[in-house]
Amino acid sequence: MPVVSLREITAETVRAICDLAPHEVQSGFVASNAVSIAQAHFNPAAVFRAVYAGDEPVGFIMWRPENDGVSCFLWRFMIDGRHQGKGYGREAIALWLKRLPALGYRLARTSYVPGAAGPHGFYLGQGFKDTGEQRANGERVMELLL
């Protein structure tokens, strides 16, 4: 398996990252990378990176600190449909989680849209647990103690 890394998105790479997309049945579970990058530019706390397998862009990840000072929220995560099932998602989440304690975080949180093609099972497999919290938009919250 190629080495998975999280890399900054540059003017030279942004189009390739924006062209990545999940499988069509998953499209209702995550915003497009273009929308995510635009939102990040208007949220100064947001951090976003491209997920690479070797030198090939395969996904996108975006996170932000929460107001409590100890939690980090995984705001967006996607692996392109052509690259799913290869372990890149697990590796990317593991890289992200590994960075958090050094930044002072003790808890990783995320939310998901419920549905058959959604990411709930994937996040459970990475160690996240359901909190029972449901947001006003219907998303359900998960967390992982670091």
C-alpha atoms as a PDB file:
ATOM      1  CA  MET A   1       0.000   0.000   0.000  1.00  0.00           C
ATOM      2  CA  PRO A   2       1.325   3.483  -0.833  1.00  0.00           C
ATOM      3  CA  VAL A   3       2.183   5.710   2.131  1.00  0.00           C
ATOM      4  CA  VAL A   4      -0.798   7.830   3.161  1.00  0.00           C
ATOM      5  CA  SER A   5      -0.161  11.461   4.046  1.00  0.00           C
ATOM      6  CA  LEU A   6      -2.099  14.635   4.792  1.00  0.00           C
ATOM      7  CA  ARG A   7      -0.860  17.523   2.651  1.00  0.00           C
ATOM      8  CA  GLU A   8      -1.676  21.186   2.313  1.00  0.00           C
ATOM      9  CA  ILE A   9      -3.806  22.078  -0.665  1.00  0.00           C
ATOM     10  CA  THR A  10      -2.139  24.572  -2.981  1.00  0.00           C
ATOM     11  CA  ALA A  11      -3.149  26.572  -6.033  1.00  0.00           C
ATOM     12  CA  GLU A  12      -1.552  23.812  -8.086  1.00  0.00           C
ATOM     13  CA  THR A  13      -3.475  20.973  -6.405  1.00  0.00           C
ATOM     14  CA  VAL A  14      -6.865  22.493  -5.557  1.00  0.00           C
ATOM     15  CA  ARG A  15      -8.559  21.477  -8.811  1.00  0.00           C
ATOM     16  CA  ALA A  16      -7.528  17.819  -8.400  1.00  0.00           C
ATOM     17  CA  ILE A  17      -8.836  17.844  -4.824  1.00  0.00           C
ATOM     18  CA  CYS A  18     -12.114  19.460  -5.881  1.00  0.00           C
ATOM     19  CA  ASP A  19     -12.547  16.767  -8.544  1.00  0.00           C
ATOM     20  CA  LEU A  20     -12.538  13.988  -5.922  1.00  0.00           C
ATOM     21  CA  ALA A  21     -15.951  12.673  -4.892  1.00  0.00           C
ATOM     22  CA  PRO A  22     -17.412   9.739  -2.965  1.00  0.00           C
ATOM     23  CA  HIS A  23     -19.540   7.084  -4.638  1.00  0.00           C
ATOM     24  CA  GLU A  24     -22.774   8.568  -5.972  1.00  0.00           C
ATOM     25  CA  VAL A  25     -24.859   6.808  -3.274  1.00  0.00           C
ATOM     26  CA  GLN A  26     -22.714   8.581  -0.659  1.00  0.00           C
ATOM     27  CA  SER A  27     -23.041  12.090  -2.103  1.00  0.00           C
ATOM     28  CA  GLY A  28     -25.799  13.094   0.342  1.00  0.00           C
ATOM     29  CA  PHE A  29     -23.583  12.322   3.323  1.00  0.00           C
ATOM     30  CA  VAL A  30     -20.776  14.845   2.762  1.00  0.00           C
ATOM     31  CA  ALA A  31     -20.456  18.258   1.113  1.00  0.00           C
ATOM     32  CA  SER A  32     -18.264  18.590  -1.945  1.00  0.00           C
ATOM     33  CA  ASN A  33     -14.610  19.378  -1.395  1.00  0.00           C
ATOM     34  CA  ALA A  34     -15.071  22.711  -3.185  1.00  0.00           C
ATOM     35  CA  VAL A  35     -17.815  23.744  -0.748  1.00  0.00           C
ATOM     36  CA  SER A  36     -15.731  22.538   2.197  1.00  0.00           C
ATOM     37  CA  ILE A  37     -12.684  24.528   1.094  1.00  0.00           C
ATOM     38  CA  ALA A  38     -14.825  27.629   0.612  1.00  0.00           C
ATOM     39  CA  GLN A  39     -16.344  27.229   4.096  1.00  0.00           C
ATOM     40  CA  ALA A  40     -12.892  26.770   5.606  1.00  0.00           C
ATOM     41  CA  HIS A  41     -11.750  30.073   4.143  1.00  0.00           C
ATOM     42  CA  PHE A  42     -14.484  31.819   6.128  1.00  0.00           C
ATOM     43  CA  ASN A  43     -13.741  29.961   9.375  1.00  0.00           C
ATOM     44  CA  PRO A  44     -10.263  30.962  10.589  1.00  0.00           C
ATOM     45  CA  ALA A  45     -10.074  27.992  12.980  1.00  0.00           C
ATOM     46  CA  ALA A  46     -10.656  25.407  10.245  1.00  0.00           C
ATOM     47  CA  VAL A  47      -7.765  23.247   9.058  1.00  0.00           C
ATOM     48  CA  PHE A  48      -8.061  21.258   5.852  1.00  0.00           C
ATOM     49  CA  ARG A  49      -5.761  18.880   4.045  1.00  0.00           C
ATOM     50  CA  ALA A  50      -5.756  16.606   1.044  1.00  0.00           C
ATOM     51  CA  VAL A  51      -5.337  12.896   1.683  1.00  0.00           C
ATOM     52  CA  TYR A  52      -2.651  11.404  -0.551  1.00  0.00           C
ATOM     53  CA  ALA A  53      -1.705   7.788  -1.233  1.00  0.00           C
ATOM     54  CA  GLY A  54       1.854   8.104  -2.439  1.00  0.00           C
ATOM     55  CA  ASP A  55       1.718  11.036  -4.848  1.00  0.00           C
ATOM     56  CA  GLU A  56      -1.946  10.577  -5.794  1.00  0.00           C
ATOM     57  CA  PRO A  57      -4.699  12.661  -4.150  1.00  0.00           C
ATOM     58  CA  VAL A  58      -7.382  10.301  -2.854  1.00  0.00           C
ATOM     59  CA  GLY A  59      -9.406  12.282  -0.322  1.00  0.00           C
ATOM     60  CA  PHE A  60     -10.054  15.314   1.858  1.00  0.00           C
ATOM     61  CA  ILE A  61     -10.143  15.990   5.596  1.00  0.00           C
ATOM     62  CA  MET A  62     -11.145  19.135   7.499  1.00  0.00           C
ATOM     63  CA  TRP A  63     -11.298  19.817  11.240  1.00  0.00           C
ATOM     64  CA  ARG A  64     -11.634  22.641  13.740  1.00  0.00           C
ATOM     65  CA  PRO A  65     -11.178  23.110  17.482  1.00  0.00           C
ATOM     66  CA  GLU A  66     -14.308  23.226  19.608  1.00  0.00           C
ATOM     67  CA  ASN A  67     -14.953  25.997  22.106  1.00  0.00           C
ATOM     68  CA  ASP A  68     -14.082  23.884  25.160  1.00  0.00           C
ATOM     69  CA  GLY A  69     -10.355  23.945  24.379  1.00  0.00           C
ATOM     70  CA  VAL A  70      -9.929  20.161  24.667  1.00  0.00           C
ATOM     71  CA  SER A  71     -12.044  18.835  21.784  1.00  0.00           C
ATOM     72  CA  CYS A  72     -11.348  18.792  18.070  1.00  0.00           C
ATOM     73  CA  PHE A  73     -14.194  18.329  15.610  1.00  0.00           C
ATOM     74  CA  LEU A  74     -13.779  16.350  12.388  1.00  0.00           C
ATOM     75  CA  TRP A  75     -15.899  18.581  10.171  1.00  0.00           C
ATOM     76  CA  ARG A  76     -15.452  16.833   6.826  1.00  0.00           C
ATOM     77  CA  PHE A  77     -13.869  13.613   5.658  1.00  0.00           C
ATOM     78  CA  MET A  78     -14.114  11.798   2.363  1.00  0.00           C
ATOM     79  CA  ILE A  79     -12.212   9.306   0.284  1.00  0.00           C
ATOM     80  CA  ASP A  80     -12.841   9.350  -3.449  1.00  0.00           C
ATOM     81  CA  GLY A  81     -15.101   6.509  -4.547  1.00  0.00           C
ATOM     82  CA  ARG A  82     -12.387   5.078  -6.813  1.00  0.00           C
ATOM     83  CA  HIS A  83     -10.050   4.757  -3.826  1.00  0.00           C
ATOM     84  CA  GLN A  84     -12.365   3.394  -1.149  1.00  0.00           C
ATOM     85  CA  GLY A  85     -11.733  -0.040   0.297  1.00  0.00           C
ATOM     86  CA  LYS A  86      -7.948   0.291   0.091  1.00  0.00           C
ATOM     87  CA  GLY A  87      -7.309   1.343   3.705  1.00  0.00           C
ATOM     88  CA  TYR A  88      -6.601   4.988   2.876  1.00  0.00           C
ATOM     89  CA  GLY A  89      -9.462   6.255   5.029  1.00  0.00           C
ATOM     90  CA  ARG A  90      -8.318   4.304   8.088  1.00  0.00           C
ATOM     91  CA  GLU A  91      -4.745   5.526   7.621  1.00  0.00           C
ATOM     92  CA  ALA A  92      -5.821   9.148   7.154  1.00  0.00           C
ATOM     93  CA  ILE A  93      -7.989   9.137  10.289  1.00  0.00           C
ATOM     94  CA  ALA A  94      -5.161   7.475  12.252  1.00  0.00           C
ATOM     95  CA  LEU A  95      -2.728  10.200  11.104  1.00  0.00           C
ATOM     96  CA  TRP A  96      -5.178  12.913  12.107  1.00  0.00           C
ATOM     97  CA  LEU A  97      -5.876  11.354  15.517  1.00  0.00           C
ATOM     98  CA  LYS A  98      -2.157  10.875  16.197  1.00  0.00           C
ATOM     99  CA  ARG A  99      -1.556  14.647  15.832  1.00  0.00           C
ATOM    100  CA  LEU A 100      -4.269  15.784  18.216  1.00  0.00           C
ATOM    101  CA  PRO A 101      -2.773  15.074  21.681  1.00  0.00           C
ATOM    102  CA  ALA A 102       0.364  17.087  20.860  1.00  0.00           C
ATOM    103  CA  LEU A 103      -1.945  20.011  20.071  1.00  0.00           C
ATOM    104  CA  GLY A 104      -3.611  19.720  23.478  1.00  0.00           C
ATOM    105  CA  TYR A 105      -6.754  17.865  22.450  1.00  0.00           C
ATOM    106  CA  ARG A 106      -8.138  15.055  24.584  1.00  0.00           C
ATOM    107  CA  LEU A 107     -11.294  14.316  22.617  1.00  0.00           C
ATOM    108  CA  ALA A 108     -12.072  13.924  18.911  1.00  0.00           C
ATOM    109  CA  ARG A 109     -15.666  14.466  17.840  1.00  0.00           C
ATOM    110  CA  THR A 110     -17.545  14.167  14.565  1.00  0.00           C
ATOM    111  CA  SER A 111     -21.093  13.936  13.288  1.00  0.00           C
ATOM    112  CA  TYR A 112     -22.714  11.956  10.521  1.00  0.00           C
ATOM    113  CA  VAL A 113     -25.915  11.830   8.528  1.00  0.00           C
ATOM    114  CA  PRO A 114     -27.692   8.535   9.286  1.00  0.00           C
ATOM    115  CA  GLY A 115     -28.346   6.249   6.322  1.00  0.00           C
ATOM    116  CA  ALA A 116     -27.480   2.917   4.762  1.00  0.00           C
ATOM    117  CA  ALA A 117     -24.541   4.263   2.708  1.00  0.00           C
ATOM    118  CA  GLY A 118     -23.356   6.619   5.456  1.00  0.00           C
ATOM    119  CA  PRO A 119     -20.112   6.602   7.428  1.00  0.00           C
ATOM    120  CA  HIS A 120     -21.411   5.430  10.827  1.00  0.00           C
ATOM    121  CA  GLY A 121     -19.872   1.953  10.593  1.00  0.00           C
ATOM    122  CA  PHE A 122     -16.574   3.376   9.371  1.00  0.00           C
ATOM    123  CA  TYR A 123     -16.308   5.710  12.371  1.00  0.00           C
ATOM    124  CA  LEU A 124     -17.244   2.899  14.771  1.00  0.00           C
ATOM    125  CA  GLY A 125     -14.406   0.893  13.235  1.00  0.00           C
ATOM    126  CA  GLN A 126     -11.982   3.735  14.005  1.00  0.00           C
ATOM    127  CA  GLY A 127     -12.961   3.708  17.682  1.00  0.00           C
ATOM    128  CA  PHE A 128     -15.561   6.474  17.772  1.00  0.00           C
ATOM    129  CA  LYS A 129     -18.582   5.931  20.011  1.00  0.00           C
ATOM    130  CA  ASP A 130     -22.105   7.269  19.666  1.00  0.00           C
ATOM    131  CA  THR A 131     -22.904  10.004  22.192  1.00  0.00           C
ATOM    132  CA  GLY A 132     -26.684   9.922  21.781  1.00  0.00           C
ATOM    133  CA  GLU A 133     -26.584  13.612  20.827  1.00  0.00           C
ATOM    134  CA  GLN A 134     -28.484  14.634  17.727  1.00  0.00           C
ATOM    135  CA  ARG A 135     -27.995  18.036  16.137  1.00  0.00           C
ATOM    136  CA  ALA A 136     -30.834  20.215  14.899  1.00  0.00           C
ATOM    137  CA  ASN A 137     -29.976  19.247  11.307  1.00  0.00           C
ATOM    138  CA  GLY A 138     -30.449  15.542  12.114  1.00  0.00           C
ATOM    139  CA  GLU A 139     -26.759  14.634  12.255  1.00  0.00           C
ATOM    140  CA  ARG A 140     -25.706  12.327  15.071  1.00  0.00           C
ATOM    141  CA  VAL A 141     -22.590  12.961  17.122  1.00  0.00           C
ATOM    142  CA  MET A 142     -19.754  10.543  17.860  1.00  0.00           C
ATOM    143  CA  GLU A 143     -16.588  10.957  19.911  1.00  0.00           C
ATOM    144  CA  LEU A 144     -13.302   9.277  20.701  1.00  0.00           C
ATOM    145  CA  LEU A 145     -11.207   9.816  23.837  1.00  0.00           C
ATOM    146  CA  LEU A 146      -7.590  10.328  22.863  1.00  0.00           C
END
